[in-house]
Protein backbone atom coordinates (compact mmCIF):
# COMPACT_ATOMS: atom_id res chain seq x y z
CA MET A 1 0.17 0.32 -0.06
CA SER A 2 2.91 2.54 1.26
CA VAL A 3 4.41 1.18 -2.33
CA VAL A 4 1.51 2.52 -4.60
CA TYR A 5 1.17 5.71 -2.91
CA GLN A 6 4.86 6.96 -3.15
CA GLN A 7 4.41 6.14 -7.22
CA ARG A 8 1.20 8.43 -7.17
CA ALA A 9 3.27 10.96 -5.13
CA ALA A 10 6.10 10.82 -7.71
CA SER A 11 3.68 11.04 -10.95
CA ARG A 12 1.85 14.39 -9.09
CA ARG A 13 5.36 15.54 -8.35
CA TRP A 14 5.96 15.59 -12.37
CA LEU A 15 2.68 16.77 -13.11
CA THR A 16 3.86 20.04 -11.31
CA LEU A 17 6.03 20.59 -13.33
CA TRP A 18 4.47 20.88 -16.58
CA PRO A 19 4.81 24.81 -16.34
CA LEU A 20 8.00 24.41 -16.58
CA ALA A 21 8.37 22.14 -19.54
CA VAL A 22 5.88 24.40 -21.52
CA PHE A 23 8.46 27.36 -21.14
CA LEU A 24 11.93 25.34 -21.74
CA LEU A 25 9.74 23.82 -24.85
CA LEU A 26 8.93 27.31 -25.94
CA ALA A 27 12.29 28.77 -25.27
CA ALA A 28 14.09 25.83 -26.95
CA GLY A 29 11.85 26.56 -30.08
CA GLY A 30 12.36 30.24 -30.50
CA ILE A 31 16.11 29.68 -30.07
CA LEU A 32 16.01 27.19 -32.78
CA TRP A 33 13.59 29.59 -35.10
CA LEU A 34 16.09 33.07 -34.40
CA TRP A 35 19.19 30.57 -34.97
CA GLN A 36 17.59 29.99 -38.80
CA ALA A 37 16.27 33.58 -39.24
CA TRP A 38 18.72 35.54 -37.63
CA PRO A 39 20.35 36.94 -41.25
CA GLN A 40 16.55 37.70 -42.62
CA VAL A 41 16.27 39.29 -39.01
CA MET A 42 19.40 41.58 -39.00
CA MET A 43 18.52 42.62 -42.73
CA LYS A 44 15.36 43.95 -41.80
CA SER A 45 16.64 45.55 -39.03
CA VAL A 46 19.02 47.87 -40.96
CA VAL A 47 15.85 48.45 -43.59
CA TRP A 48 14.11 49.50 -40.55
CA GLN A 49 16.66 51.80 -38.85
CA ARG A 50 17.16 53.52 -42.35
CA ASP A 51 13.24 53.86 -42.58
CA VAL A 52 13.34 55.19 -38.88
CA ASN A 53 16.26 57.66 -39.40
CA GLN A 54 14.17 59.29 -42.35
CA GLN A 55 11.12 59.82 -40.24
CA MET A 56 13.35 61.20 -36.85
CA SER A 57 14.65 63.59 -39.17
CA GLY A 58 11.72 64.55 -40.57
CA LEU A 59 10.42 65.30 -37.35
CA LEU A 60 13.00 67.02 -36.47
CA LYS A 61 12.55 69.53 -38.98
CA ALA A 62 8.90 70.02 -38.21
CA VAL A 63 9.92 70.71 -34.88
CA ALA A 64 12.65 73.35 -36.32
CA ALA A 65 9.87 74.76 -37.95
CA ARG A 66 6.39 74.45 -35.69
CA PRO A 67 7.47 73.15 -32.50
CA ALA A 68 4.19 73.73 -30.66
CA GLN A 69 2.55 71.28 -33.73
CA ALA A 70 5.29 69.09 -34.08
CA GLY A 71 6.74 68.34 -30.47
CA GLY A 72 4.37 65.89 -29.16
CA SER A 73 4.88 63.68 -32.17
CA LEU A 74 8.73 63.80 -32.05
CA LEU A 75 8.13 62.59 -28.31
CA LEU A 76 5.76 60.26 -29.04
CA PHE A 77 7.47 58.35 -31.89
CA SER A 78 10.70 58.76 -30.31
CA PHE A 79 9.19 56.73 -26.82
CA LEU A 80 7.63 54.00 -29.30
CA TYR A 81 11.28 54.12 -31.09
CA GLY A 82 12.84 53.04 -27.63
CA VAL A 83 10.21 50.58 -26.93
CA LEU A 84 10.57 48.41 -30.08
CA HIS A 85 14.12 49.18 -29.76
CA ALA A 86 14.46 47.28 -26.82
CA LEU A 87 12.65 44.00 -28.15
CA GLY A 88 15.76 43.41 -30.55
CA PRO A 89 19.49 42.04 -29.50
CA GLY A 90 20.89 43.94 -27.12
CA HIS A 91 23.52 43.08 -24.51
CA GLY A 92 21.47 44.98 -21.49
CA LYS A 93 18.75 42.07 -21.72
CA VAL A 94 21.48 39.35 -21.48
CA VAL A 95 22.58 41.32 -18.40
CA ILE A 96 19.58 41.89 -16.40
CA THR A 97 18.00 38.10 -17.59
CA THR A 98 20.80 36.29 -16.60
CA TRP A 99 21.12 38.61 -13.04
CA LEU A 100 17.29 37.54 -12.32
CA ALA A 101 17.06 34.33 -13.17
CA THR A 102 20.05 33.35 -11.13
CA HIS A 103 20.23 35.61 -8.22
CA PRO A 104 17.21 36.17 -5.80
CA SER A 105 16.18 39.55 -6.05
CA LYS A 106 12.62 41.58 -4.80
CA LEU A 107 10.29 42.49 -7.64
CA LYS A 108 11.12 46.79 -6.97
CA SER A 109 14.65 45.60 -6.88
CA SER A 110 14.64 44.65 -10.41
CA ILE A 111 12.54 47.22 -11.73
CA GLY A 112 14.94 49.64 -10.03
CA LEU A 113 17.92 48.27 -11.69
CA THR A 114 16.02 48.73 -15.52
CA LEU A 115 15.05 52.15 -14.78
CA ALA A 116 18.54 53.56 -13.72
CA SER A 117 20.32 51.50 -16.51
CA SER A 118 17.70 52.81 -19.00
CA LEU A 119 18.07 56.47 -18.06
CA LEU A 120 21.83 56.60 -17.12
CA GLN A 121 21.92 55.09 -21.11
CA GLY A 122 20.12 58.37 -22.18
CA LEU A 123 21.89 60.37 -19.80
CA VAL A 124 25.14 59.10 -21.69
CA ALA A 125 24.24 59.84 -24.73
CA ILE A 126 23.45 63.68 -23.82
CA GLY A 127 26.87 63.63 -22.33
CA LEU A 128 28.94 62.76 -24.95
CA VAL A 129 27.23 64.67 -27.32
CA VAL A 130 27.68 67.86 -25.24
CA VAL A 131 31.18 67.40 -24.03
CA VAL A 132 32.57 66.18 -27.71
CA LEU A 133 30.39 68.21 -29.83
CA THR A 134 30.10 71.49 -27.60
CA ILE A 135 32.78 71.52 -24.88
CA LEU A 136 35.81 70.65 -26.75
CA GLN A 137 34.07 71.06 -30.47
CA LEU A 138 35.52 67.98 -32.03
CA PRO A 139 34.24 66.58 -35.43
CA ALA A 140 30.87 64.21 -35.40
CA ARG A 141 33.66 61.69 -36.38
CA GLN A 142 35.23 61.34 -32.60
CA LEU A 143 31.69 61.59 -31.16
CA HIS A 144 31.12 58.12 -33.42
CA MET A 145 34.37 57.02 -32.15
CA SER A 146 33.94 57.75 -28.27
CA SER A 147 30.41 56.12 -28.37
CA PHE A 148 32.31 53.27 -29.79
CA TRP A 149 35.00 53.29 -27.16
CA LEU A 150 32.29 53.55 -24.39
CA GLU A 151 30.19 50.60 -26.19
CA LYS A 152 33.51 48.52 -25.64
CA GLY A 153 33.92 49.84 -22.14
CA SER A 154 30.39 48.78 -21.43
CA TYR A 155 31.15 45.38 -23.06
CA ALA A 156 33.99 44.58 -21.02
CA LEU A 157 32.08 45.78 -17.87
CA VAL A 158 29.75 42.57 -18.74
CA GLY A 159 32.72 40.23 -18.64
CA VAL A 160 33.93 42.25 -15.13
CA LEU A 161 30.35 41.11 -13.50
CA GLY A 162 30.51 37.57 -14.96
CA VAL A 163 34.04 36.91 -13.90
CA LEU A 164 32.64 38.51 -10.07
CA LEU A 165 29.56 36.02 -10.34
CA CYS A 166 32.14 33.27 -10.98
CA VAL A 167 34.00 33.77 -7.95
CA ARG A 168 31.11 34.03 -5.47
CA ALA A 169 29.55 31.09 -7.00
CA LEU A 170 32.72 29.16 -6.53
CA LYS A 171 33.56 30.35 -2.91
CA LYS A 172 29.68 29.16 -1.98
CA LEU A 173 29.60 26.38 -3.79
CA ARG A 174 33.36 25.34 -1.62
CA GLN A 175 31.63 26.42 1.27
CA LEU A 176 28.40 24.40 0.97
CA LEU A 177 31.02 21.18 -0.14
CA ARG A 178 32.69 21.15 2.66
CA ARG A 179 32.33 18.72 5.31
CA PRO A 180 31.76 20.54 8.58
CA LYS A 181 33.55 20.01 11.88
CA PHE A 182 31.69 19.25 15.30
CA THR A 183 33.89 19.80 18.31
CA ALA A 184 31.86 18.98 21.49
CA PHE A 185 30.53 21.83 23.81
CA THR A 186 28.79 22.95 27.34
CA PRO A 187 26.19 25.33 26.30
CA HIS A 188 26.00 28.56 29.40
CA HIS A 189 23.62 29.91 27.67
CA VAL A 190 21.06 29.08 25.45
CA HIS A 191 19.67 31.75 22.95
CA HIS A 192 16.48 32.34 21.66
CA GLU A 193 14.90 35.42 20.02
CA GLY A 194 13.44 36.98 22.80
CA CYS A 195 16.33 36.32 24.90
CA GLY A 196 18.09 39.44 25.69
CA CYS A 197 21.51 39.48 25.64
CA GLY A 198 21.83 42.32 22.77
CA HIS A 199 23.23 40.32 20.22
CA GLN A 200 21.62 39.11 16.44
CA HIS A 201 21.64 36.03 16.55
CA LEU A 202 20.92 35.20 12.72
CA PRO A 203 20.66 37.60 9.92
CA ASP A 204 17.11 38.66 8.70
CA PRO A 205 16.75 38.11 4.31
CA GLU A 206 17.42 41.63 3.91
CA GLN A 207 21.11 41.89 5.37
CA LEU A 208 21.27 38.51 3.53
CA GLN A 209 20.20 39.75 -0.17
CA ASN A 210 21.79 43.17 -0.12
CA GLY A 211 25.63 42.31 1.96
CA ASP A 212 27.75 42.38 -0.96
CA ASP A 213 24.76 42.88 -3.80
CA TRP A 214 25.69 46.70 -4.19
CA ARG A 215 28.84 45.77 -6.07
CA ALA A 216 26.98 43.58 -8.50
CA ARG A 217 24.28 46.14 -9.24
CA LEU A 218 26.26 49.13 -9.92
CA MET A 219 27.77 47.20 -12.35
CA ILE A 220 25.02 46.06 -14.21
CA VAL A 221 23.95 49.76 -14.10
CA LEU A 222 26.60 51.23 -15.67
CA SER A 223 26.96 48.35 -17.82
CA MET A 224 23.69 48.20 -19.36
CA GLY A 225 23.69 52.47 -19.15
CA MET A 226 27.39 53.17 -20.16
CA ARG A 227 26.95 52.24 -23.72
CA PRO A 228 24.77 55.07 -25.44
CA CYS A 229 21.83 54.19 -27.78
CA SER A 230 23.06 54.81 -31.24
CA GLY A 231 19.45 55.96 -32.01
CA ALA A 232 19.69 58.50 -29.35
CA ILE A 233 23.03 59.56 -30.66
CA MET A 234 21.75 60.18 -34.28
CA VAL A 235 18.54 62.13 -32.80
CA LEU A 236 21.06 64.36 -30.54
CA LEU A 237 23.51 65.03 -33.80
CA PHE A 238 20.83 66.08 -36.42
CA SER A 239 19.00 68.33 -33.60
CA LYS A 240 21.87 70.16 -33.25
CA VAL A 241 22.65 70.65 -36.74
CA VAL A 242 18.60 72.05 -37.07
CA GLY A 243 19.22 74.33 -34.16
CA VAL A 244 16.73 72.19 -31.82
CA PHE A 245 19.01 70.71 -29.80
CA SER A 246 16.80 70.88 -26.23
CA TRP A 247 14.08 68.75 -28.11
CA GLY A 248 16.75 66.27 -28.90
CA MET A 249 17.55 65.84 -25.63
CA ALA A 250 13.48 65.61 -24.62
CA SER A 251 13.67 62.45 -27.64
CA ALA A 252 16.52 61.12 -26.12
CA LEU A 253 14.91 60.55 -22.46
CA ALA A 254 11.79 59.82 -24.14
CA MET A 255 13.80 56.98 -26.09
CA ALA A 256 15.28 56.10 -22.76
CA ALA A 257 11.78 55.45 -21.16
CA GLY A 258 10.71 52.98 -24.19
CA THR A 259 13.26 51.44 -23.94
CA SER A 260 12.94 51.11 -19.72
CA LEU A 261 9.03 50.14 -20.51
CA THR A 262 11.03 46.95 -22.64
CA ILE A 263 13.37 46.06 -20.43
CA THR A 264 11.07 46.31 -17.37
CA SER A 265 8.57 43.96 -18.74
CA LEU A 266 11.12 41.87 -19.53
CA ALA A 267 12.63 41.82 -16.39
CA LEU A 268 8.88 41.14 -14.80
CA LEU A 269 8.46 38.03 -16.95
CA VAL A 270 12.00 36.38 -15.80
CA HIS A 271 11.05 37.11 -12.31
CA SER A 272 8.06 35.06 -12.50
CA PHE A 273 9.41 32.34 -13.99
CA ARG A 274 12.09 32.27 -11.22
CA SER A 275 9.85 32.51 -8.88
CA LEU A 276 7.47 29.58 -10.21
CA ALA A 277 10.44 27.74 -10.25
CA VAL A 278 11.34 28.07 -6.60
CA LYS A 279 8.24 27.27 -6.01
CA LEU A 280 8.08 24.11 -7.96
CA SER A 281 11.41 22.73 -6.87
CA GLY A 282 10.96 24.21 -2.99
CA HIS A 283 10.53 20.60 -1.26
CA LYS A 284 11.55 18.34 -3.62
CA ALA A 285 15.05 18.15 -2.44
CA PRO A 286 17.13 18.55 0.67
CA VAL A 287 18.18 22.13 1.60
CA LEU A 288 21.66 21.44 0.72
CA TRP A 289 21.17 19.81 -2.59
CA ARG A 290 18.89 23.30 -3.59
CA GLN A 291 21.33 25.44 -2.51
CA ILE A 292 24.20 23.11 -4.09
CA GLY A 293 21.73 23.86 -7.13
CA TRP A 294 20.74 27.73 -7.24
CA THR A 295 24.57 28.24 -6.58
CA THR A 296 25.60 26.22 -9.63
CA LEU A 297 23.21 28.01 -11.73
CA ALA A 298 24.27 31.21 -10.44
CA LEU A 299 28.53 30.28 -11.70
CA ALA A 300 26.47 29.07 -14.77
CA GLY A 301 25.27 32.69 -15.15
CA GLY A 302 28.54 34.28 -14.87
CA ALA A 303 29.54 31.82 -17.59
CA VAL A 304 26.92 33.03 -19.74
CA LEU A 305 27.86 36.91 -18.76
CA ILE A 306 31.91 35.95 -19.37
CA ALA A 307 31.37 34.32 -23.12
CA ALA A 308 28.92 36.77 -24.18
CA ALA A 309 31.10 40.10 -23.03
CA VAL A 310 33.96 38.13 -25.42
CA VAL A 311 31.53 37.70 -28.33
CA MET A 312 30.36 40.86 -28.23
CA TRP A 313 33.60 42.61 -27.83
CA MET A 314 35.20 40.91 -31.08
CA SER A 315 31.81 41.83 -32.42
CA ALA A 316 31.65 45.49 -32.17
CA VAL A 317 32.15 47.86 -34.88
CA PRO A 318 32.42 51.24 -35.44
CA VAL A 319 29.36 53.52 -36.70
CA GLY A 320 29.38 52.99 -40.17
CA ARG A 321 31.60 50.33 -40.59
CA GLY A 322 29.37 47.20 -41.07
CA ILE A 323 26.01 45.62 -39.85
CA ARG A 324 26.21 46.22 -35.84
CA PRO A 325 24.56 42.66 -34.36
CA PHE A 326 24.16 44.46 -31.10
């Protein structure tokens, strides 16, 4: 009787994993389709980028002639551009999805990361144009080269973040796999929650989460936001030429807002799937093996970031020298 009950319980446990199986199946299908359709996607994105640039140039000219009538259309178009542009391939999505999938994080903290990185990306584009073209009065070619090296720097930060996550995961795995040593002792006082000794015996969840994560979170924001958006650079450059640079800055910030909306939606999706995975695996394995499993996943996430950083560093080209995959 007990054997039959155990078999039924095991089958019920496997049935509870169907959402995770569906997600993995859809993810595998999406990756396979993207791999096969990648050349067509790249060519269509280049054509779409050209059409968008022409439309944006026309709106900026209209703003220069009729700012009150065309300003709203420019900001709305810039916002939609940011939303759609963030749907394409980019290192920011790789960073935020890898971090959220492999590390426990509160929902507000996840949204804060995406908002801060998107805002920083818009501000970096504005600051770069102001410094290079206004303060230093260098040619536009230097602007594109400065943007290129900032982009390379952001990819380097992605690699450093991956190394940091791998080192932390390896240290934790070493602690988990180390055989514990116990020595006999005689307790003189038994501590409990209200013993009044004035000590904090265990860290609370806030301290466990925020212990040294601020370094990784800062690196996430910098690696995502340090690379200025190419569309924002184009808008700022053309707006300076036609004499409506203030509208160009507003357009760049509208793009950043659209980008943050898309990245935040992606962060919410990844956060939900991670919460589902944690719930499904909650009591199906010993605590030690659950900790080892999540730590190994964090190690794999760091390795993914290192590999992505190497690929993006090698594939980065200055503006106007080939198709840019990221």
